[in-house]
Amino acid sequence: MITHGPRDRPRIALTFEGRGDPDLARAALARIERAGARVTVLAVGSWLEAHPELARRILDGGHEIGNHTEHHRDLAALAERDEHSAYEEIAACARRLRRLTGSIGTWFRPSPGPGATAPVRRLALRAGYPHVLGYDVESRDHAATGVPAVLRKVTGELRHGSVVGLSLARPVTVAALPLLLTEIDRRGLRAVTATELLS
């Protein structure tokens, strides 16, 4: 379980839950790229099924894509009731990623949140993911009342090596991105993929 990178280098990883309005996702990626940042998108498989072109769009923008389960179900609760179904949530998204990109991706993040129980970590390893990617800064953009709330939450906790959890396709997140990326730059930090952060 990885929640942050090295604290002695001025780099951070912005990680995004990949689901929701595809037009908002494209707008977010465009804003990220204008700022020269690279990010990690943990995609929900059913979202990629509906919008398969987004997998290539993410990679073509210099970003990386990983697994956030097939249907965004509560994986820990599911694993307690039905381990096979929980495994399939991970494996089905991995198969979809391989079909769309040639790889299952490096990173897995369980749904709904960043933490992973021991059974979920075992299932992820079985599906080919030795590392579960969490985060140490939660944007709470899913509950934010506006851009200032997102900015306060993220910038108040951001430091060297942080992994930030965001949503790719929420209006408040897309609106906050230019200000957030400007503040990251002002602090002398560089937004890189999770793989780059941890290399």
N, C-alpha and C. Protein backbone atom coordinates (compact mmCIF):
# COMPACT_ATOMS: atom_id res chain seq x y z
N MET A 1 0.86 -1.18 0.00
CA MET A 1 0.00 0.00 0.00
C MET A 1 0.90 1.23 0.00
N ILE A 2 0.77 2.04 -1.03
CA ILE A 2 1.61 3.24 -1.17
C ILE A 2 0.71 4.46 -1.07
N THR A 3 1.07 5.38 -0.19
CA THR A 3 0.26 6.60 -0.02
C THR A 3 1.00 7.87 -0.39
N HIS A 4 2.32 7.82 -0.50
CA HIS A 4 3.08 9.00 -0.89
C HIS A 4 4.44 8.58 -1.41
N GLY A 5 5.11 9.54 -2.05
CA GLY A 5 6.44 9.30 -2.57
C GLY A 5 7.50 9.91 -1.67
N PRO A 6 8.74 9.99 -2.16
CA PRO A 6 9.84 10.55 -1.36
C PRO A 6 9.54 11.99 -0.94
N ARG A 7 9.84 12.28 0.30
CA ARG A 7 9.57 13.62 0.84
C ARG A 7 10.72 14.60 0.59
N ASP A 8 11.80 14.12 -0.02
CA ASP A 8 12.97 14.99 -0.21
C ASP A 8 13.09 15.51 -1.64
N ARG A 9 12.06 15.28 -2.47
CA ARG A 9 12.10 15.78 -3.85
C ARG A 9 10.85 16.61 -4.12
N PRO A 10 10.98 17.70 -4.87
CA PRO A 10 9.83 18.60 -5.09
C PRO A 10 8.88 18.10 -6.19
N ARG A 11 8.35 16.91 -5.97
CA ARG A 11 7.42 16.33 -6.94
C ARG A 11 6.19 15.82 -6.21
N ILE A 12 5.07 15.84 -6.90
CA ILE A 12 3.83 15.30 -6.37
C ILE A 12 3.14 14.52 -7.49
N ALA A 13 2.18 13.68 -7.12
CA ALA A 13 1.37 12.96 -8.11
C ALA A 13 -0.09 13.34 -7.91
N LEU A 14 -0.68 13.86 -8.96
CA LEU A 14 -2.12 14.08 -8.98
C LEU A 14 -2.75 12.82 -9.57
N THR A 15 -3.61 12.18 -8.79
CA THR A 15 -4.25 10.95 -9.25
C THR A 15 -5.75 11.19 -9.32
N PHE A 16 -6.36 10.68 -10.37
CA PHE A 16 -7.76 10.97 -10.65
C PHE A 16 -8.57 9.70 -10.79
N GLU A 17 -9.75 9.71 -10.19
CA GLU A 17 -10.72 8.66 -10.42
C GLU A 17 -11.31 8.87 -11.81
N GLY A 18 -11.18 7.87 -12.65
CA GLY A 18 -11.65 7.98 -14.03
C GLY A 18 -13.05 7.43 -14.20
N ARG A 19 -14.03 8.31 -14.10
CA ARG A 19 -15.43 7.99 -14.39
C ARG A 19 -16.18 9.31 -14.49
N GLY A 20 -17.40 9.26 -15.01
CA GLY A 20 -18.21 10.47 -15.12
C GLY A 20 -18.27 11.00 -16.54
N ASP A 21 -18.63 12.27 -16.66
CA ASP A 21 -18.85 12.93 -17.94
C ASP A 21 -17.57 12.95 -18.78
N PRO A 22 -17.56 12.31 -19.95
CA PRO A 22 -16.33 12.25 -20.75
C PRO A 22 -15.88 13.62 -21.24
N ASP A 23 -16.82 14.53 -21.48
CA ASP A 23 -16.43 15.88 -21.92
C ASP A 23 -15.69 16.62 -20.81
N LEU A 24 -16.14 16.44 -19.57
CA LEU A 24 -15.41 17.04 -18.44
C LEU A 24 -14.03 16.41 -18.29
N ALA A 25 -13.95 15.11 -18.51
CA ALA A 25 -12.65 14.44 -18.43
C ALA A 25 -11.68 15.00 -19.48
N ARG A 26 -12.18 15.19 -20.69
CA ARG A 26 -11.32 15.76 -21.75
C ARG A 26 -10.90 17.18 -21.39
N ALA A 27 -11.82 17.96 -20.84
CA ALA A 27 -11.50 19.34 -20.44
C ALA A 27 -10.44 19.34 -19.35
N ALA A 28 -10.57 18.42 -18.39
CA ALA A 28 -9.58 18.33 -17.32
C ALA A 28 -8.21 17.98 -17.88
N LEU A 29 -8.15 16.99 -18.76
CA LEU A 29 -6.87 16.60 -19.35
C LEU A 29 -6.24 17.75 -20.13
N ALA A 30 -7.04 18.50 -20.86
CA ALA A 30 -6.51 19.64 -21.62
C ALA A 30 -5.91 20.68 -20.68
N ARG A 31 -6.58 20.95 -19.58
CA ARG A 31 -6.06 21.94 -18.62
C ARG A 31 -4.77 21.45 -17.97
N ILE A 32 -4.73 20.18 -17.65
CA ILE A 32 -3.53 19.59 -17.06
C ILE A 32 -2.36 19.71 -18.03
N GLU A 33 -2.60 19.39 -19.28
CA GLU A 33 -1.53 19.41 -20.28
C GLU A 33 -1.06 20.82 -20.58
N ARG A 34 -1.96 21.80 -20.58
CA ARG A 34 -1.54 23.20 -20.79
C ARG A 34 -0.57 23.64 -19.70
N ALA A 35 -0.72 23.09 -18.52
CA ALA A 35 0.18 23.43 -17.41
C ALA A 35 1.47 22.61 -17.42
N GLY A 36 1.59 21.69 -18.37
CA GLY A 36 2.80 20.87 -18.46
C GLY A 36 2.86 19.76 -17.42
N ALA A 37 1.72 19.40 -16.84
CA ALA A 37 1.69 18.36 -15.81
C ALA A 37 1.37 17.01 -16.44
N ARG A 38 1.76 15.95 -15.73
CA ARG A 38 1.38 14.59 -16.08
C ARG A 38 0.71 13.97 -14.86
N VAL A 39 -0.31 13.17 -15.10
CA VAL A 39 -1.11 12.64 -14.00
C VAL A 39 -1.36 11.14 -14.17
N THR A 40 -1.95 10.56 -13.15
CA THR A 40 -2.33 9.16 -13.17
C THR A 40 -3.84 9.08 -13.04
N VAL A 41 -4.47 8.39 -13.98
CA VAL A 41 -5.93 8.20 -13.96
C VAL A 41 -6.20 6.75 -13.60
N LEU A 42 -6.92 6.54 -12.49
CA LEU A 42 -7.36 5.21 -12.10
C LEU A 42 -8.78 5.06 -12.64
N ALA A 43 -8.92 4.30 -13.71
CA ALA A 43 -10.16 4.26 -14.48
C ALA A 43 -11.07 3.13 -14.04
N VAL A 44 -12.35 3.43 -14.02
CA VAL A 44 -13.38 2.41 -13.78
C VAL A 44 -13.64 1.71 -15.12
N GLY A 45 -13.64 0.39 -15.11
CA GLY A 45 -13.76 -0.37 -16.34
C GLY A 45 -15.04 -0.10 -17.12
N SER A 46 -16.16 0.04 -16.43
CA SER A 46 -17.43 0.29 -17.13
C SER A 46 -17.41 1.66 -17.81
N TRP A 47 -16.67 2.60 -17.25
CA TRP A 47 -16.49 3.93 -17.87
C TRP A 47 -15.70 3.78 -19.17
N LEU A 48 -14.65 2.96 -19.13
CA LEU A 48 -13.87 2.72 -20.34
C LEU A 48 -14.65 1.93 -21.38
N GLU A 49 -15.55 1.07 -20.92
CA GLU A 49 -16.40 0.34 -21.86
C GLU A 49 -17.29 1.32 -22.63
N ALA A 50 -17.82 2.32 -21.92
CA ALA A 50 -18.69 3.31 -22.56
C ALA A 50 -17.91 4.31 -23.38
N HIS A 51 -16.65 4.57 -23.00
CA HIS A 51 -15.83 5.60 -23.67
C HIS A 51 -14.42 5.05 -23.91
N PRO A 52 -14.29 4.02 -24.74
CA PRO A 52 -12.98 3.36 -24.89
C PRO A 52 -11.90 4.28 -25.43
N GLU A 53 -12.28 5.32 -26.18
CA GLU A 53 -11.28 6.24 -26.74
C GLU A 53 -10.53 7.01 -25.65
N LEU A 54 -11.11 7.09 -24.45
CA LEU A 54 -10.46 7.86 -23.38
C LEU A 54 -9.19 7.19 -22.88
N ALA A 55 -9.10 5.87 -22.99
CA ALA A 55 -7.87 5.18 -22.57
C ALA A 55 -6.69 5.69 -23.40
N ARG A 56 -6.86 5.73 -24.70
CA ARG A 56 -5.78 6.20 -25.58
C ARG A 56 -5.55 7.70 -25.39
N ARG A 57 -6.63 8.45 -25.17
CA ARG A 57 -6.50 9.90 -24.95
C ARG A 57 -5.64 10.19 -23.73
N ILE A 58 -5.85 9.43 -22.67
CA ILE A 58 -5.05 9.61 -21.45
C ILE A 58 -3.58 9.33 -21.74
N LEU A 59 -3.30 8.20 -22.38
CA LEU A 59 -1.91 7.83 -22.66
C LEU A 59 -1.26 8.79 -23.65
N ASP A 60 -2.00 9.20 -24.67
CA ASP A 60 -1.44 10.11 -25.67
C ASP A 60 -1.10 11.47 -25.08
N GLY A 61 -1.72 11.83 -23.96
CA GLY A 61 -1.41 13.09 -23.29
C GLY A 61 -0.18 13.01 -22.39
N GLY A 62 0.47 11.84 -22.35
CA GLY A 62 1.66 11.68 -21.53
C GLY A 62 1.36 11.22 -20.11
N HIS A 63 0.12 10.83 -19.87
CA HIS A 63 -0.30 10.40 -18.54
C HIS A 63 -0.23 8.88 -18.45
N GLU A 64 -0.61 8.35 -17.28
CA GLU A 64 -0.69 6.90 -17.15
C GLU A 64 -2.08 6.53 -16.65
N ILE A 65 -2.44 5.28 -16.95
CA ILE A 65 -3.78 4.80 -16.61
C ILE A 65 -3.66 3.53 -15.78
N GLY A 66 -4.54 3.41 -14.79
CA GLY A 66 -4.54 2.23 -13.93
C GLY A 66 -5.96 1.77 -13.67
N ASN A 67 -6.09 0.84 -12.75
CA ASN A 67 -7.31 0.09 -12.49
C ASN A 67 -8.01 0.60 -11.24
N HIS A 68 -9.30 0.95 -11.39
CA HIS A 68 -10.12 1.38 -10.24
C HIS A 68 -11.40 0.53 -10.18
N THR A 69 -11.26 -0.74 -10.51
CA THR A 69 -12.31 -1.76 -10.52
C THR A 69 -13.23 -1.61 -11.74
N GLU A 70 -14.03 -2.62 -11.97
CA GLU A 70 -14.90 -2.63 -13.14
C GLU A 70 -16.17 -1.79 -12.96
N HIS A 71 -16.77 -1.83 -11.76
CA HIS A 71 -18.05 -1.14 -11.56
C HIS A 71 -18.07 -0.17 -10.39
N HIS A 72 -16.91 0.08 -9.75
CA HIS A 72 -16.83 1.00 -8.61
C HIS A 72 -17.73 0.55 -7.45
N ARG A 73 -17.73 -0.72 -7.19
CA ARG A 73 -18.46 -1.26 -6.04
C ARG A 73 -17.59 -1.17 -4.79
N ASP A 74 -18.20 -1.29 -3.61
CA ASP A 74 -17.44 -1.30 -2.35
C ASP A 74 -16.69 -2.62 -2.27
N LEU A 75 -15.42 -2.56 -2.61
CA LEU A 75 -14.64 -3.79 -2.80
C LEU A 75 -14.39 -4.52 -1.48
N ALA A 76 -14.13 -3.78 -0.41
CA ALA A 76 -13.87 -4.43 0.88
C ALA A 76 -15.10 -5.20 1.34
N ALA A 77 -16.27 -4.58 1.24
CA ALA A 77 -17.51 -5.25 1.64
C ALA A 77 -17.79 -6.45 0.74
N LEU A 78 -17.55 -6.28 -0.55
CA LEU A 78 -17.77 -7.37 -1.50
C LEU A 78 -16.85 -8.55 -1.21
N ALA A 79 -15.58 -8.26 -0.90
CA ALA A 79 -14.61 -9.32 -0.63
C ALA A 79 -15.00 -10.15 0.59
N GLU A 80 -15.64 -9.53 1.57
CA GLU A 80 -16.10 -10.26 2.75
C GLU A 80 -17.22 -11.23 2.39
N ARG A 81 -18.09 -10.84 1.46
CA ARG A 81 -19.25 -11.66 1.09
C ARG A 81 -18.94 -12.66 -0.01
N ASP A 82 -18.15 -12.22 -1.00
CA ASP A 82 -17.99 -13.01 -2.22
C ASP A 82 -16.62 -12.69 -2.83
N GLU A 83 -15.63 -13.44 -2.41
CA GLU A 83 -14.26 -13.17 -2.85
C GLU A 83 -14.10 -13.28 -4.36
N HIS A 84 -14.79 -14.25 -4.97
CA HIS A 84 -14.68 -14.40 -6.43
C HIS A 84 -15.18 -13.15 -7.15
N SER A 85 -16.33 -12.62 -6.73
CA SER A 85 -16.87 -11.41 -7.37
C SER A 85 -15.94 -10.21 -7.15
N ALA A 86 -15.35 -10.12 -5.97
CA ALA A 86 -14.41 -9.03 -5.70
C ALA A 86 -13.19 -9.14 -6.61
N TYR A 87 -12.68 -10.36 -6.77
CA TYR A 87 -11.55 -10.56 -7.68
C TYR A 87 -11.93 -10.16 -9.11
N GLU A 88 -13.12 -10.53 -9.53
CA GLU A 88 -13.56 -10.20 -10.89
C GLU A 88 -13.67 -8.69 -11.10
N GLU A 89 -14.00 -7.94 -10.07
CA GLU A 89 -14.04 -6.48 -10.18
C GLU A 89 -12.67 -5.94 -10.59
N ILE A 90 -11.62 -6.54 -10.05
CA ILE A 90 -10.26 -6.11 -10.39
C ILE A 90 -9.83 -6.69 -11.74
N ALA A 91 -10.06 -7.99 -11.90
CA ALA A 91 -9.58 -8.70 -13.10
C ALA A 91 -10.29 -8.22 -14.36
N ALA A 92 -11.59 -7.92 -14.28
CA ALA A 92 -12.32 -7.47 -15.46
C ALA A 92 -11.79 -6.13 -15.95
N CYS A 93 -11.51 -5.23 -15.02
CA CYS A 93 -10.93 -3.94 -15.42
C CYS A 93 -9.53 -4.15 -15.99
N ALA A 94 -8.76 -5.05 -15.40
CA ALA A 94 -7.41 -5.34 -15.92
C ALA A 94 -7.49 -5.87 -17.36
N ARG A 95 -8.43 -6.77 -17.62
CA ARG A 95 -8.59 -7.28 -18.98
C ARG A 95 -8.98 -6.18 -19.95
N ARG A 96 -9.85 -5.31 -19.52
CA ARG A 96 -10.27 -4.20 -20.39
C ARG A 96 -9.09 -3.27 -20.68
N LEU A 97 -8.31 -2.95 -19.66
CA LEU A 97 -7.13 -2.10 -19.87
C LEU A 97 -6.17 -2.75 -20.85
N ARG A 98 -5.96 -4.06 -20.70
CA ARG A 98 -5.04 -4.76 -21.62
C ARG A 98 -5.55 -4.69 -23.05
N ARG A 99 -6.86 -4.89 -23.24
CA ARG A 99 -7.43 -4.82 -24.60
C ARG A 99 -7.27 -3.43 -25.20
N LEU A 100 -7.45 -2.40 -24.39
CA LEU A 100 -7.44 -1.03 -24.89
C LEU A 100 -6.04 -0.44 -25.02
N THR A 101 -5.12 -0.88 -24.16
CA THR A 101 -3.81 -0.22 -24.10
C THR A 101 -2.63 -1.17 -24.26
N GLY A 102 -2.88 -2.49 -24.18
CA GLY A 102 -1.78 -3.45 -24.24
C GLY A 102 -1.18 -3.77 -22.89
N SER A 103 -1.69 -3.16 -21.83
CA SER A 103 -1.14 -3.35 -20.48
C SER A 103 -2.26 -3.25 -19.46
N ILE A 104 -2.11 -3.95 -18.34
CA ILE A 104 -3.10 -3.80 -17.26
C ILE A 104 -2.85 -2.53 -16.45
N GLY A 105 -1.74 -1.83 -16.74
CA GLY A 105 -1.37 -0.66 -15.97
C GLY A 105 -0.61 -1.06 -14.72
N THR A 106 0.13 -0.12 -14.19
CA THR A 106 0.96 -0.40 -13.02
C THR A 106 0.17 -0.37 -11.72
N TRP A 107 -0.83 0.49 -11.67
CA TRP A 107 -1.46 0.81 -10.39
C TRP A 107 -2.89 0.32 -10.28
N PHE A 108 -3.24 -0.11 -9.07
CA PHE A 108 -4.61 -0.44 -8.71
C PHE A 108 -5.01 0.39 -7.50
N ARG A 109 -6.23 0.91 -7.54
CA ARG A 109 -6.82 1.58 -6.38
C ARG A 109 -8.21 1.00 -6.17
N PRO A 110 -8.50 0.50 -4.97
CA PRO A 110 -9.83 -0.06 -4.74
C PRO A 110 -10.89 1.03 -4.70
N SER A 111 -12.12 0.62 -4.90
CA SER A 111 -13.23 1.54 -4.72
C SER A 111 -13.90 1.18 -3.40
N PRO A 112 -14.49 2.16 -2.70
CA PRO A 112 -14.64 3.54 -3.14
C PRO A 112 -13.46 4.43 -2.76
N GLY A 113 -12.63 4.04 -1.82
CA GLY A 113 -11.60 4.95 -1.31
C GLY A 113 -10.21 4.41 -1.44
N PRO A 114 -9.25 5.09 -0.83
CA PRO A 114 -7.85 4.76 -1.08
C PRO A 114 -7.34 3.55 -0.31
N GLY A 115 -7.98 3.20 0.81
CA GLY A 115 -7.46 2.13 1.63
C GLY A 115 -7.80 0.76 1.07
N ALA A 116 -7.01 -0.24 1.44
CA ALA A 116 -7.26 -1.60 0.97
C ALA A 116 -7.10 -2.56 2.15
N THR A 117 -8.11 -3.38 2.37
CA THR A 117 -8.02 -4.42 3.38
C THR A 117 -7.04 -5.49 2.92
N ALA A 118 -6.62 -6.32 3.85
CA ALA A 118 -5.70 -7.41 3.50
C ALA A 118 -6.28 -8.32 2.42
N PRO A 119 -7.57 -8.72 2.50
CA PRO A 119 -8.11 -9.56 1.41
C PRO A 119 -8.08 -8.85 0.06
N VAL A 120 -8.37 -7.56 0.03
CA VAL A 120 -8.35 -6.81 -1.23
C VAL A 120 -6.93 -6.73 -1.77
N ARG A 121 -5.95 -6.52 -0.90
CA ARG A 121 -4.55 -6.48 -1.36
C ARG A 121 -4.15 -7.82 -1.96
N ARG A 122 -4.59 -8.92 -1.35
CA ARG A 122 -4.26 -10.26 -1.89
C ARG A 122 -4.90 -10.46 -3.27
N LEU A 123 -6.14 -10.02 -3.41
CA LEU A 123 -6.82 -10.16 -4.70
C LEU A 123 -6.15 -9.30 -5.77
N ALA A 124 -5.73 -8.11 -5.39
CA ALA A 124 -5.03 -7.22 -6.34
C ALA A 124 -3.73 -7.87 -6.80
N LEU A 125 -2.99 -8.46 -5.88
CA LEU A 125 -1.74 -9.13 -6.23
C LEU A 125 -2.01 -10.29 -7.18
N ARG A 126 -3.06 -11.05 -6.90
CA ARG A 126 -3.43 -12.17 -7.77
C ARG A 126 -3.78 -11.69 -9.18
N ALA A 127 -4.35 -10.50 -9.28
CA ALA A 127 -4.72 -9.94 -10.58
C ALA A 127 -3.55 -9.27 -11.29
N GLY A 128 -2.39 -9.20 -10.63
CA GLY A 128 -1.20 -8.66 -11.28
C GLY A 128 -0.75 -7.30 -10.78
N TYR A 129 -1.32 -6.84 -9.65
CA TYR A 129 -0.97 -5.53 -9.11
C TYR A 129 -0.25 -5.69 -7.77
N PRO A 130 1.09 -5.61 -7.76
CA PRO A 130 1.82 -5.77 -6.50
C PRO A 130 1.66 -4.58 -5.56
N HIS A 131 1.24 -3.43 -6.10
CA HIS A 131 1.11 -2.23 -5.28
C HIS A 131 -0.30 -1.67 -5.37
N VAL A 132 -0.85 -1.29 -4.24
CA VAL A 132 -2.12 -0.57 -4.18
C VAL A 132 -1.77 0.90 -3.97
N LEU A 133 -2.32 1.76 -4.83
CA LEU A 133 -2.01 3.19 -4.76
C LEU A 133 -3.09 3.92 -3.99
N GLY A 134 -2.73 4.40 -2.82
CA GLY A 134 -3.62 5.25 -2.04
C GLY A 134 -3.28 6.71 -2.26
N TYR A 135 -3.50 7.52 -1.26
CA TYR A 135 -3.08 8.92 -1.32
C TYR A 135 -3.00 9.48 0.09
N ASP A 136 -2.21 10.54 0.25
CA ASP A 136 -2.10 11.19 1.55
C ASP A 136 -2.82 12.54 1.58
N VAL A 137 -3.29 12.99 0.41
CA VAL A 137 -4.08 14.23 0.34
C VAL A 137 -5.38 13.90 -0.40
N GLU A 138 -6.49 13.99 0.31
CA GLU A 138 -7.79 13.75 -0.30
C GLU A 138 -8.45 15.08 -0.59
N SER A 139 -8.79 15.30 -1.84
CA SER A 139 -9.36 16.59 -2.24
C SER A 139 -10.78 16.79 -1.72
N ARG A 140 -11.50 15.70 -1.53
CA ARG A 140 -12.91 15.73 -1.15
C ARG A 140 -13.73 16.53 -2.16
N ASP A 141 -13.29 16.49 -3.42
CA ASP A 141 -13.99 17.24 -4.46
C ASP A 141 -15.39 16.68 -4.72
N HIS A 142 -15.62 15.43 -4.35
CA HIS A 142 -16.96 14.86 -4.52
C HIS A 142 -17.98 15.52 -3.60
N ALA A 143 -17.51 16.14 -2.52
CA ALA A 143 -18.42 16.79 -1.56
C ALA A 143 -18.22 18.30 -1.51
N ALA A 144 -17.32 18.83 -2.33
CA ALA A 144 -16.99 20.26 -2.24
C ALA A 144 -18.14 21.14 -2.72
N THR A 145 -18.31 22.25 -2.03
CA THR A 145 -19.36 23.21 -2.39
C THR A 145 -18.88 24.20 -3.45
N GLY A 146 -17.58 24.24 -3.70
CA GLY A 146 -17.05 25.15 -4.71
C GLY A 146 -15.55 25.02 -4.83
N VAL A 147 -15.01 25.76 -5.78
CA VAL A 147 -13.56 25.73 -6.05
C VAL A 147 -12.73 26.07 -4.82
N PRO A 148 -13.08 27.12 -4.05
CA PRO A 148 -12.25 27.44 -2.88
C PRO A 148 -12.11 26.28 -1.89
N ALA A 149 -13.16 25.49 -1.73
CA ALA A 149 -13.09 24.37 -0.80
C ALA A 149 -12.07 23.33 -1.28
N VAL A 150 -12.07 23.06 -2.56
CA VAL A 150 -11.10 22.09 -3.12
C VAL A 150 -9.68 22.63 -2.95
N LEU A 151 -9.48 23.89 -3.30
CA LEU A 151 -8.14 24.48 -3.20
C LEU A 151 -7.64 24.50 -1.77
N ARG A 152 -8.50 24.89 -0.82
CA ARG A 152 -8.09 24.93 0.59
C ARG A 152 -7.68 23.55 1.07
N LYS A 153 -8.49 22.55 0.73
CA LYS A 153 -8.22 21.20 1.21
C LYS A 153 -6.90 20.66 0.65
N VAL A 154 -6.70 20.81 -0.65
CA VAL A 154 -5.50 20.25 -1.28
C VAL A 154 -4.26 21.06 -0.90
N THR A 155 -4.30 22.37 -1.08
CA THR A 155 -3.09 23.16 -0.83
C THR A 155 -2.73 23.21 0.65
N GLY A 156 -3.71 23.02 1.52
CA GLY A 156 -3.43 23.00 2.95
C GLY A 156 -2.66 21.77 3.39
N GLU A 157 -2.72 20.70 2.62
CA GLU A 157 -2.06 19.44 3.00
C GLU A 157 -0.92 19.04 2.08
N LEU A 158 -0.77 19.71 0.97
CA LEU A 158 0.21 19.35 -0.05
C LEU A 158 1.63 19.54 0.44
N ARG A 159 2.48 18.55 0.19
CA ARG A 159 3.91 18.68 0.49
C ARG A 159 4.71 17.78 -0.44
N HIS A 160 6.02 17.88 -0.38
CA HIS A 160 6.87 17.06 -1.24
C HIS A 160 6.44 15.60 -1.13
N GLY A 161 6.30 14.95 -2.28
CA GLY A 161 5.99 13.53 -2.31
C GLY A 161 4.52 13.19 -2.19
N SER A 162 3.66 14.20 -2.06
CA SER A 162 2.23 13.91 -1.87
C SER A 162 1.62 13.21 -3.08
N VAL A 163 0.68 12.32 -2.78
CA VAL A 163 -0.20 11.74 -3.79
C VAL A 163 -1.59 12.29 -3.48
N VAL A 164 -2.16 12.99 -4.45
CA VAL A 164 -3.43 13.68 -4.25
C VAL A 164 -4.54 12.89 -4.95
N GLY A 165 -5.64 12.68 -4.25
CA GLY A 165 -6.80 12.00 -4.82
C GLY A 165 -7.84 13.00 -5.30
N LEU A 166 -8.16 12.95 -6.59
CA LEU A 166 -9.12 13.87 -7.21
C LEU A 166 -10.07 13.08 -8.12
N SER A 167 -11.10 13.75 -8.60
CA SER A 167 -12.02 13.16 -9.58
C SER A 167 -11.79 13.84 -10.93
N LEU A 168 -11.74 13.04 -11.98
CA LEU A 168 -11.42 13.58 -13.30
C LEU A 168 -12.58 14.35 -13.91
N ALA A 169 -13.81 13.96 -13.60
CA ALA A 169 -14.94 14.50 -14.35
C ALA A 169 -16.01 15.14 -13.46
N ARG A 170 -15.58 15.93 -12.51
CA ARG A 170 -16.51 16.73 -11.70
C ARG A 170 -16.33 18.19 -12.07
N PRO A 171 -17.41 18.92 -12.25
CA PRO A 171 -17.28 20.33 -12.66
C PRO A 171 -16.40 21.14 -11.71
N VAL A 172 -16.53 20.93 -10.41
CA VAL A 172 -15.74 21.71 -9.46
C VAL A 172 -14.25 21.41 -9.60
N THR A 173 -13.92 20.16 -9.91
CA THR A 173 -12.51 19.79 -10.08
C THR A 173 -11.93 20.43 -11.33
N VAL A 174 -12.67 20.34 -12.42
CA VAL A 174 -12.20 20.94 -13.67
C VAL A 174 -12.01 22.44 -13.49
N ALA A 175 -12.93 23.09 -12.79
CA ALA A 175 -12.82 24.53 -12.55
C ALA A 175 -11.64 24.87 -11.65
N ALA A 176 -11.33 23.99 -10.71
CA ALA A 176 -10.24 24.25 -9.76
C ALA A 176 -8.86 23.99 -10.34
N LEU A 177 -8.78 23.18 -11.39
CA LEU A 177 -7.47 22.74 -11.88
C LEU A 177 -6.51 23.87 -12.25
N PRO A 178 -6.92 24.89 -13.02
CA PRO A 178 -5.93 25.93 -13.35
C PRO A 178 -5.33 26.60 -12.12
N LEU A 179 -6.16 26.91 -11.12
CA LEU A 179 -5.66 27.55 -9.90
C LEU A 179 -4.79 26.59 -9.10
N LEU A 180 -5.19 25.33 -9.03
CA LEU A 180 -4.40 24.35 -8.30
C LEU A 180 -3.05 24.13 -8.97
N LEU A 181 -3.03 24.00 -10.29
CA LEU A 181 -1.77 23.79 -11.00
C LEU A 181 -0.86 25.01 -10.91
N THR A 182 -1.44 26.20 -10.90
CA THR A 182 -0.65 27.42 -10.71
C THR A 182 -0.01 27.44 -9.33
N GLU A 183 -0.77 27.04 -8.32
CA GLU A 183 -0.23 27.01 -6.95
C GLU A 183 0.85 25.95 -6.80
N ILE A 184 0.67 24.82 -7.43
CA ILE A 184 1.70 23.78 -7.40
C ILE A 184 3.00 24.33 -8.00
N ASP A 185 2.88 25.00 -9.13
CA ASP A 185 4.06 25.61 -9.77
C ASP A 185 4.68 26.69 -8.90
N ARG A 186 3.83 27.51 -8.28
CA ARG A 186 4.33 28.60 -7.43
C ARG A 186 5.16 28.06 -6.27
N ARG A 187 4.81 26.90 -5.79
CA ARG A 187 5.53 26.28 -4.67
C ARG A 187 6.79 25.55 -5.13
N GLY A 188 7.06 25.56 -6.43
CA GLY A 188 8.24 24.88 -6.94
C GLY A 188 8.10 23.38 -7.03
N LEU A 189 6.85 22.92 -7.05
CA LEU A 189 6.59 21.49 -7.16
C LEU A 189 6.30 21.12 -8.61
N ARG A 190 6.52 19.87 -8.93
CA ARG A 190 6.24 19.38 -10.28
C ARG A 190 5.26 18.24 -10.20
N ALA A 191 4.17 18.31 -10.97
CA ALA A 191 3.16 17.25 -11.00
C ALA A 191 3.57 16.19 -12.02
N VAL A 192 3.80 14.97 -11.53
CA VAL A 192 4.26 13.86 -12.37
C VAL A 192 3.33 12.67 -12.14
N THR A 193 3.50 11.63 -12.96
CA THR A 193 2.72 10.42 -12.75
C THR A 193 3.17 9.73 -11.47
N ALA A 194 2.32 8.84 -10.97
CA ALA A 194 2.69 8.08 -9.77
C ALA A 194 3.96 7.26 -10.00
N THR A 195 4.10 6.71 -11.20
CA THR A 195 5.30 5.93 -11.51
C THR A 195 6.54 6.82 -11.45
N GLU A 196 6.45 8.01 -12.02
CA GLU A 196 7.58 8.95 -11.97
C GLU A 196 7.88 9.38 -10.54
N LEU A 197 6.83 9.62 -9.77
CA LEU A 197 7.02 10.05 -8.38
C LEU A 197 7.78 9.00 -7.58
N LEU A 198 7.48 7.75 -7.84
CA LEU A 198 8.03 6.67 -7.02
C LEU A 198 9.27 6.02 -7.62
N SER A 199 9.69 6.50 -8.82
CA SER A 199 10.87 5.89 -9.44
C SER A 199 12.16 6.40 -8.79
